[in-house]
Amino acid sequence: MSSHRPKGRPHKALVTREKIAKAALTIVGEDGYEKLTMARIARKLNVGTSALYNHLSGKEDLLALIEDAVMEQVECGSLYAALESDPKISPRDALVSWATSYRDVCARHVPLVRIIALTPISGAPRTVEMYEVLARVLKQTGLPNSAIMPRIVALESFIYGSAYDVHAPEDIFDLPMDSEARAPALADARGAFLPAASAEKGAEESNPYADEPFRLGLEALLADLPEEKIG
């Protein structure tokens, strides 16, 4: 009896858009965006490069696929809950939940923040879906249409920067020995903040400049929005 593998298509597809996205995320996470090429993805999947083009039209399509794979991890359930006829969560609280999840996802994929920030969303259907429900929730707060896109961009700009803060070293604001003379106001501010942050988060918290500043900044960005939906 022959033991060789029969010819024909494998029972499971060797390449799918989902597998391509997963391989791309792994490559960027391990080696950085600079190492992301079609050839590298093909090697990761153990297929020829030409096989990828049965599923992708080119690099721009790949970037949109990666963007969708990341955005799919963002928790949007709170946004949908705020749009229900009898919502159990206010639009502002839903936005806080969404923004916190978005920050956490970006913090897990910091090398991909550049891709997310610069890739057009037209080829990323899941990303479009997220922005649509976000826009609807912002509209529920009474924001005029002309103010919704600027608010989305402002929130994202803050979220992207906050994702980097998660990985900033704990000593990023350590001051020189002569700080009292050179930067007295900064020294006082740092000295007052660190004990409070440590007491609130506990000794295991690696970066006191991550969560509390994020909460404070997010509150400022949403402060003008009402607690309950309008209309």
C-alpha atoms as a PDB file:
ATOM      1  CA  MET A   1       0.000   0.000   0.000  1.00  0.00           C
ATOM      2  CA  SER A   2       1.318   3.410  -0.925  1.00  0.00           C
ATOM      3  CA  SER A   3       1.811   5.793   2.021  1.00  0.00           C
ATOM      4  CA  HIS A   4       2.433   8.955   0.021  1.00  0.00           C
ATOM      5  CA  ARG A   5       0.029  11.844   0.391  1.00  0.00           C
ATOM      6  CA  PRO A   6      -2.658  11.912  -2.295  1.00  0.00           C
ATOM      7  CA  LYS A   7      -2.642  14.817  -4.659  1.00  0.00           C
ATOM      8  CA  GLY A   8      -5.295  17.480  -4.560  1.00  0.00           C
ATOM      9  CA  ARG A   9      -6.359  20.261  -2.276  1.00  0.00           C
ATOM     10  CA  PRO A  10      -5.731  19.844   1.467  1.00  0.00           C
ATOM     11  CA  HIS A  11      -8.767  19.355   3.695  1.00  0.00           C
ATOM     12  CA  LYS A  12      -7.933  22.594   5.500  1.00  0.00           C
ATOM     13  CA  ALA A  13      -6.853  25.723   3.671  1.00  0.00           C
ATOM     14  CA  LEU A  14      -3.174  26.446   4.200  1.00  0.00           C
ATOM     15  CA  VAL A  15      -3.776  30.158   3.696  1.00  0.00           C
ATOM     16  CA  THR A  16      -6.719  32.293   4.772  1.00  0.00           C
ATOM     17  CA  ARG A  17      -7.009  35.996   5.487  1.00  0.00           C
ATOM     18  CA  GLU A  18      -7.303  35.163   9.179  1.00  0.00           C
ATOM     19  CA  LYS A  19      -4.087  33.103   9.112  1.00  0.00           C
ATOM     20  CA  ILE A  20      -2.296  35.859   7.222  1.00  0.00           C
ATOM     21  CA  ALA A  21      -3.395  38.419   9.816  1.00  0.00           C
ATOM     22  CA  LYS A  22      -2.282  36.198  12.702  1.00  0.00           C
ATOM     23  CA  ALA A  23       1.121  35.611  11.107  1.00  0.00           C
ATOM     24  CA  ALA A  24       1.555  39.329  10.431  1.00  0.00           C
ATOM     25  CA  LEU A  25       0.686  40.230  14.031  1.00  0.00           C
ATOM     26  CA  THR A  26       3.226  37.700  15.278  1.00  0.00           C
ATOM     27  CA  ILE A  27       5.983  39.034  13.021  1.00  0.00           C
ATOM     28  CA  VAL A  28       5.406  42.662  13.978  1.00  0.00           C
ATOM     29  CA  GLY A  29       5.156  41.776  17.651  1.00  0.00           C
ATOM     30  CA  GLU A  30       8.400  39.779  17.610  1.00  0.00           C
ATOM     31  CA  ASP A  31      10.568  41.706  15.157  1.00  0.00           C
ATOM     32  CA  GLY A  32       8.912  45.060  14.438  1.00  0.00           C
ATOM     33  CA  TYR A  33       7.077  46.559  11.502  1.00  0.00           C
ATOM     34  CA  GLU A  34      10.267  46.837   9.440  1.00  0.00           C
ATOM     35  CA  LYS A  35      10.422  43.043   9.151  1.00  0.00           C
ATOM     36  CA  LEU A  36       6.871  42.713   7.843  1.00  0.00           C
ATOM     37  CA  THR A  37       7.017  41.592   4.212  1.00  0.00           C
ATOM     38  CA  MET A  38       4.930  39.302   2.062  1.00  0.00           C
ATOM     39  CA  ALA A  39       7.891  36.932   1.800  1.00  0.00           C
ATOM     40  CA  ARG A  40       8.269  36.797   5.591  1.00  0.00           C
ATOM     41  CA  ILE A  41       4.568  36.055   6.060  1.00  0.00           C
ATOM     42  CA  ALA A  42       4.742  33.321   3.430  1.00  0.00           C
ATOM     43  CA  ARG A  43       7.669  31.690   5.219  1.00  0.00           C
ATOM     44  CA  LYS A  44       5.759  31.893   8.490  1.00  0.00           C
ATOM     45  CA  LEU A  45       2.854  30.041   6.868  1.00  0.00           C
ATOM     46  CA  ASN A  46       5.162  27.642   4.997  1.00  0.00           C
ATOM     47  CA  VAL A  47       3.749  28.578   1.594  1.00  0.00           C
ATOM     48  CA  GLY A  48       4.993  30.390  -1.472  1.00  0.00           C
ATOM     49  CA  THR A  49       4.631  34.159  -1.611  1.00  0.00           C
ATOM     50  CA  SER A  50       2.323  33.878  -4.606  1.00  0.00           C
ATOM     51  CA  ALA A  51      -0.206  32.021  -2.439  1.00  0.00           C
ATOM     52  CA  LEU A  52      -0.799  35.187  -0.426  1.00  0.00           C
ATOM     53  CA  TYR A  53      -1.973  37.075  -3.478  1.00  0.00           C
ATOM     54  CA  ASN A  54      -4.952  34.764  -3.797  1.00  0.00           C
ATOM     55  CA  HIS A  55      -6.211  36.480  -0.643  1.00  0.00           C
ATOM     56  CA  LEU A  56      -4.594  39.925  -0.743  1.00  0.00           C
ATOM     57  CA  SER A  57      -4.329  42.525  -3.468  1.00  0.00           C
ATOM     58  CA  GLY A  58      -1.107  43.981  -2.063  1.00  0.00           C
ATOM     59  CA  LYS A  59       0.564  45.684   0.887  1.00  0.00           C
ATOM     60  CA  GLU A  60      -2.252  48.174   1.473  1.00  0.00           C
ATOM     61  CA  ASP A  61      -4.738  45.316   1.706  1.00  0.00           C
ATOM     62  CA  LEU A  62      -2.416  43.594   4.180  1.00  0.00           C
ATOM     63  CA  LEU A  63      -2.244  46.692   6.387  1.00  0.00           C
ATOM     64  CA  ALA A  64      -6.042  46.983   6.392  1.00  0.00           C
ATOM     65  CA  LEU A  65      -6.255  43.303   7.335  1.00  0.00           C
ATOM     66  CA  ILE A  66      -3.868  43.873  10.247  1.00  0.00           C
ATOM     67  CA  GLU A  67      -5.840  46.924  11.352  1.00  0.00           C
ATOM     68  CA  ASP A  68      -9.033  44.868  11.393  1.00  0.00           C
ATOM     69  CA  ALA A  69      -7.364  42.067  13.359  1.00  0.00           C
ATOM     70  CA  VAL A  70      -6.299  44.520  16.058  1.00  0.00           C
ATOM     71  CA  MET A  71      -9.567  46.452  16.162  1.00  0.00           C
ATOM     72  CA  GLU A  72     -11.508  43.217  16.543  1.00  0.00           C
ATOM     73  CA  GLN A  73      -9.894  42.871  19.982  1.00  0.00           C
ATOM     74  CA  VAL A  74     -11.314  46.200  21.195  1.00  0.00           C
ATOM     75  CA  GLU A  75     -14.317  45.738  23.466  1.00  0.00           C
ATOM     76  CA  CYS A  76     -17.293  47.505  21.875  1.00  0.00           C
ATOM     77  CA  GLY A  77     -20.088  45.804  23.813  1.00  0.00           C
ATOM     78  CA  SER A  78     -20.507  48.823  26.073  1.00  0.00           C
ATOM     79  CA  LEU A  79     -21.046  51.065  23.049  1.00  0.00           C
ATOM     80  CA  TYR A  80     -23.782  48.805  21.704  1.00  0.00           C
ATOM     81  CA  ALA A  81     -25.325  48.608  25.186  1.00  0.00           C
ATOM     82  CA  ALA A  82     -25.533  52.407  25.335  1.00  0.00           C
ATOM     83  CA  LEU A  83     -27.593  52.404  22.135  1.00  0.00           C
ATOM     84  CA  GLU A  84     -30.295  50.057  23.440  1.00  0.00           C
ATOM     85  CA  SER A  85     -33.817  51.414  23.866  1.00  0.00           C
ATOM     86  CA  ASP A  86     -33.511  51.035  27.645  1.00  0.00           C
ATOM     87  CA  PRO A  87     -29.751  51.321  28.174  1.00  0.00           C
ATOM     88  CA  LYS A  88     -28.136  50.150  31.406  1.00  0.00           C
ATOM     89  CA  ILE A  89     -25.027  52.233  30.752  1.00  0.00           C
ATOM     90  CA  SER A  90     -24.651  55.920  29.953  1.00  0.00           C
ATOM     91  CA  PRO A  91     -22.937  57.048  26.745  1.00  0.00           C
ATOM     92  CA  ARG A  92     -20.090  58.593  28.739  1.00  0.00           C
ATOM     93  CA  ASP A  93     -19.481  55.405  30.755  1.00  0.00           C
ATOM     94  CA  ALA A  94     -19.629  53.388  27.542  1.00  0.00           C
ATOM     95  CA  LEU A  95     -17.008  55.651  25.990  1.00  0.00           C
ATOM     96  CA  VAL A  96     -14.761  55.214  29.031  1.00  0.00           C
ATOM     97  CA  SER A  97     -15.058  51.425  28.776  1.00  0.00           C
ATOM     98  CA  TRP A  98     -14.338  51.462  25.035  1.00  0.00           C
ATOM     99  CA  ALA A  99     -11.400  53.853  25.324  1.00  0.00           C
ATOM    100  CA  THR A 100      -9.839  51.835  28.148  1.00  0.00           C
ATOM    101  CA  SER A 101     -10.099  48.631  26.136  1.00  0.00           C
ATOM    102  CA  TYR A 102      -8.700  50.385  23.060  1.00  0.00           C
ATOM    103  CA  ARG A 103      -5.738  51.670  25.102  1.00  0.00           C
ATOM    104  CA  ASP A 104      -5.095  48.196  26.504  1.00  0.00           C
ATOM    105  CA  VAL A 105      -5.224  46.582  23.046  1.00  0.00           C
ATOM    106  CA  CYS A 106      -2.832  49.168  21.607  1.00  0.00           C
ATOM    107  CA  ALA A 107      -0.512  48.663  24.586  1.00  0.00           C
ATOM    108  CA  ARG A 108      -0.343  44.956  23.713  1.00  0.00           C
ATOM    109  CA  HIS A 109       0.451  45.822  20.091  1.00  0.00           C
ATOM    110  CA  VAL A 110       2.555  48.986  20.346  1.00  0.00           C
ATOM    111  CA  PRO A 111       4.516  48.265  17.112  1.00  0.00           C
ATOM    112  CA  LEU A 112       1.171  48.261  15.273  1.00  0.00           C
ATOM    113  CA  VAL A 113      -0.015  51.658  16.519  1.00  0.00           C
ATOM    114  CA  ARG A 114       1.664  53.320  13.543  1.00  0.00           C
ATOM    115  CA  ILE A 115      -0.220  51.036  11.148  1.00  0.00           C
ATOM    116  CA  ILE A 116      -3.544  51.684  12.872  1.00  0.00           C
ATOM    117  CA  ALA A 117      -2.994  55.442  12.907  1.00  0.00           C
ATOM    118  CA  LEU A 118      -1.977  55.757   9.250  1.00  0.00           C
ATOM    119  CA  THR A 119      -3.968  53.072   7.406  1.00  0.00           C
ATOM    120  CA  PRO A 120      -7.207  54.166   5.668  1.00  0.00           C
ATOM    121  CA  ILE A 121     -10.199  52.306   7.074  1.00  0.00           C
ATOM    122  CA  SER A 122     -11.965  51.762   3.738  1.00  0.00           C
ATOM    123  CA  GLY A 123     -10.561  48.241   3.395  1.00  0.00           C
ATOM    124  CA  ALA A 124     -11.145  47.268   7.024  1.00  0.00           C
ATOM    125  CA  PRO A 125     -14.834  46.402   7.569  1.00  0.00           C
ATOM    126  CA  ARG A 126     -14.553  45.576  11.283  1.00  0.00           C
ATOM    127  CA  THR A 127     -12.798  48.875  11.869  1.00  0.00           C
ATOM    128  CA  VAL A 128     -15.540  50.739  10.007  1.00  0.00           C
ATOM    129  CA  GLU A 129     -18.106  48.959  12.188  1.00  0.00           C
ATOM    130  CA  MET A 130     -16.331  50.107  15.348  1.00  0.00           C
ATOM    131  CA  TYR A 131     -16.202  53.726  14.204  1.00  0.00           C
ATOM    132  CA  GLU A 132     -19.863  53.597  13.194  1.00  0.00           C
ATOM    133  CA  VAL A 133     -21.074  52.521  16.630  1.00  0.00           C
ATOM    134  CA  LEU A 134     -18.674  55.020  18.236  1.00  0.00           C
ATOM    135  CA  ALA A 135     -20.114  57.835  16.117  1.00  0.00           C
ATOM    136  CA  ARG A 136     -23.646  56.792  17.038  1.00  0.00           C
ATOM    137  CA  VAL A 137     -22.849  56.883  20.751  1.00  0.00           C
ATOM    138  CA  LEU A 138     -21.220  60.301  20.428  1.00  0.00           C
ATOM    139  CA  LYS A 139     -24.322  61.486  18.610  1.00  0.00           C
ATOM    140  CA  GLN A 140     -26.403  60.227  21.553  1.00  0.00           C
ATOM    141  CA  THR A 141     -24.548  62.707  23.754  1.00  0.00           C
ATOM    142  CA  GLY A 142     -25.883  65.601  21.719  1.00  0.00           C
ATOM    143  CA  LEU A 143     -22.707  66.390  19.795  1.00  0.00           C
ATOM    144  CA  PRO A 144     -23.456  67.928  16.386  1.00  0.00           C
ATOM    145  CA  ASN A 145     -22.285  65.971  13.356  1.00  0.00           C
ATOM    146  CA  SER A 146     -19.532  68.514  12.726  1.00  0.00           C
ATOM    147  CA  ALA A 147     -18.007  67.793  16.157  1.00  0.00           C
ATOM    148  CA  ILE A 148     -18.037  63.983  16.042  1.00  0.00           C
ATOM    149  CA  MET A 149     -14.985  63.353  13.827  1.00  0.00           C
ATOM    150  CA  PRO A 150     -12.770  65.834  15.709  1.00  0.00           C
ATOM    151  CA  ARG A 151     -13.753  64.117  18.968  1.00  0.00           C
ATOM    152  CA  ILE A 152     -12.930  60.672  17.573  1.00  0.00           C
ATOM    153  CA  VAL A 153      -9.524  61.870  16.363  1.00  0.00           C
ATOM    154  CA  ALA A 154      -8.816  63.584  19.692  1.00  0.00           C
ATOM    155  CA  LEU A 155      -9.708  60.429  21.621  1.00  0.00           C
ATOM    156  CA  GLU A 156      -7.545  58.267  19.384  1.00  0.00           C
ATOM    157  CA  SER A 157      -4.585  60.621  19.606  1.00  0.00           C
ATOM    158  CA  PHE A 158      -4.782  60.388  23.390  1.00  0.00           C
ATOM    159  CA  ILE A 159      -5.278  56.605  23.343  1.00  0.00           C
ATOM    160  CA  TYR A 160      -2.262  55.993  21.088  1.00  0.00           C
ATOM    161  CA  GLY A 161       0.031  58.070  23.259  1.00  0.00           C
ATOM    162  CA  SER A 162      -1.314  56.414  26.405  1.00  0.00           C
ATOM    163  CA  ALA A 163      -0.514  52.987  24.944  1.00  0.00           C
ATOM    164  CA  TYR A 164       3.156  53.987  24.861  1.00  0.00           C
ATOM    165  CA  ASP A 165       2.950  55.272  28.443  1.00  0.00           C
ATOM    166  CA  VAL A 166       2.046  51.762  29.608  1.00  0.00           C
ATOM    167  CA  HIS A 167       5.537  50.615  28.613  1.00  0.00           C
ATOM    168  CA  ALA A 168       7.445  53.705  29.712  1.00  0.00           C
ATOM    169  CA  PRO A 169      10.084  53.047  32.388  1.00  0.00           C
ATOM    170  CA  GLU A 170       9.087  53.784  35.960  1.00  0.00           C
ATOM    171  CA  ASP A 171      12.010  56.194  36.285  1.00  0.00           C
ATOM    172  CA  ILE A 172      11.098  58.235  33.207  1.00  0.00           C
ATOM    173  CA  PHE A 173      10.634  61.369  35.332  1.00  0.00           C
ATOM    174  CA  ASP A 174      13.541  60.781  37.688  1.00  0.00           C
ATOM    175  CA  LEU A 175      15.352  64.071  38.244  1.00  0.00           C
ATOM    176  CA  PRO A 176      19.024  64.977  38.697  1.00  0.00           C
ATOM    177  CA  MET A 177      20.456  65.538  42.149  1.00  0.00           C
ATOM    178  CA  ASP A 178      20.234  69.320  41.811  1.00  0.00           C
ATOM    179  CA  SER A 179      16.572  69.195  40.739  1.00  0.00           C
ATOM    180  CA  GLU A 180      15.408  71.408  43.591  1.00  0.00           C
ATOM    181  CA  ALA A 181      17.447  74.238  42.117  1.00  0.00           C
ATOM    182  CA  ARG A 182      16.966  73.486  38.414  1.00  0.00           C
ATOM    183  CA  ALA A 183      13.354  72.271  38.346  1.00  0.00           C
ATOM    184  CA  PRO A 184      11.727  72.943  41.723  1.00  0.00           C
ATOM    185  CA  ALA A 185       8.124  72.925  40.487  1.00  0.00           C
ATOM    186  CA  LEU A 186       8.621  69.627  38.666  1.00  0.00           C
ATOM    187  CA  ALA A 187      10.355  68.097  41.687  1.00  0.00           C
ATOM    188  CA  ASP A 188       7.464  69.117  43.952  1.00  0.00           C
ATOM    189  CA  ALA A 189       4.881  67.756  41.501  1.00  0.00           C
ATOM    190  CA  ARG A 190       6.686  64.445  41.118  1.00  0.00           C
ATOM    191  CA  GLY A 191       7.203  64.110  44.857  1.00  0.00           C
ATOM    192  CA  ALA A 192       3.522  64.713  45.553  1.00  0.00           C
ATOM    193  CA  PHE A 193       2.260  62.376  42.830  1.00  0.00           C
ATOM    194  CA  LEU A 194       4.357  59.235  43.287  1.00  0.00           C
ATOM    195  CA  PRO A 195       3.349  58.327  46.870  1.00  0.00           C
ATOM    196  CA  ALA A 196      -0.342  58.787  46.049  1.00  0.00           C
ATOM    197  CA  ALA A 197      -0.061  56.709  42.877  1.00  0.00           C
ATOM    198  CA  SER A 198       1.824  53.939  44.690  1.00  0.00           C
ATOM    199  CA  ALA A 199      -0.720  53.829  47.510  1.00  0.00           C
ATOM    200  CA  GLU A 200      -3.626  53.605  45.073  1.00  0.00           C
ATOM    201  CA  LYS A 201      -2.191  50.971  42.737  1.00  0.00           C
ATOM    202  CA  GLY A 202      -0.024  48.911  45.076  1.00  0.00           C
ATOM    203  CA  ALA A 203       3.610  47.943  44.981  1.00  0.00           C
ATOM    204  CA  GLU A 204       3.181  45.646  41.975  1.00  0.00           C
ATOM    205  CA  GLU A 205       2.279  48.532  39.693  1.00  0.00           C
ATOM    206  CA  SER A 206       5.204  48.927  37.313  1.00  0.00           C
ATOM    207  CA  ASN A 207       4.471  52.368  35.905  1.00  0.00           C
ATOM    208  CA  PRO A 208       2.673  55.008  37.973  1.00  0.00           C
ATOM    209  CA  TYR A 209       2.440  57.271  34.935  1.00  0.00           C
ATOM    210  CA  ALA A 210       0.126  54.934  32.993  1.00  0.00           C
ATOM    211  CA  ASP A 211      -3.326  54.402  34.511  1.00  0.00           C
ATOM    212  CA  GLU A 212      -3.945  57.470  36.657  1.00  0.00           C
ATOM    213  CA  PRO A 213      -2.875  59.973  33.967  1.00  0.00           C
ATOM    214  CA  PHE A 214      -4.971  58.028  31.442  1.00  0.00           C
ATOM    215  CA  ARG A 215      -8.037  58.260  33.669  1.00  0.00           C
ATOM    216  CA  LEU A 216      -7.461  61.965  34.249  1.00  0.00           C
ATOM    217  CA  GLY A 217      -6.961  62.720  30.559  1.00  0.00           C
ATOM    218  CA  LEU A 218      -9.969  60.689  29.489  1.00  0.00           C
ATOM    219  CA  GLU A 219     -12.162  62.489  32.010  1.00  0.00           C
ATOM    220  CA  ALA A 220     -11.012  65.807  30.547  1.00  0.00           C
ATOM    221  CA  LEU A 221     -11.797  64.683  26.994  1.00  0.00           C
ATOM    222  CA  LEU A 222     -15.304  63.587  27.993  1.00  0.00           C
ATOM    223  CA  ALA A 223     -16.070  66.232  30.637  1.00  0.00           C
ATOM    224  CA  ASP A 224     -18.385  68.257  28.407  1.00  0.00           C
ATOM    225  CA  LEU A 225     -20.553  65.248  27.525  1.00  0.00           C
ATOM    226  CA  PRO A 226     -23.750  64.650  29.532  1.00  0.00           C
ATOM    227  CA  GLU A 227     -24.096  61.634  31.807  1.00  0.00           C
ATOM    228  CA  GLU A 228     -27.257  60.511  30.024  1.00  0.00           C
ATOM    229  CA  LYS A 229     -28.137  60.372  26.340  1.00  0.00           C
ATOM    230  CA  ILE A 230     -29.888  63.314  24.724  1.00  0.00           C
ATOM    231  CA  GLY A 231     -33.299  62.636  23.221  1.00  0.00           C
END
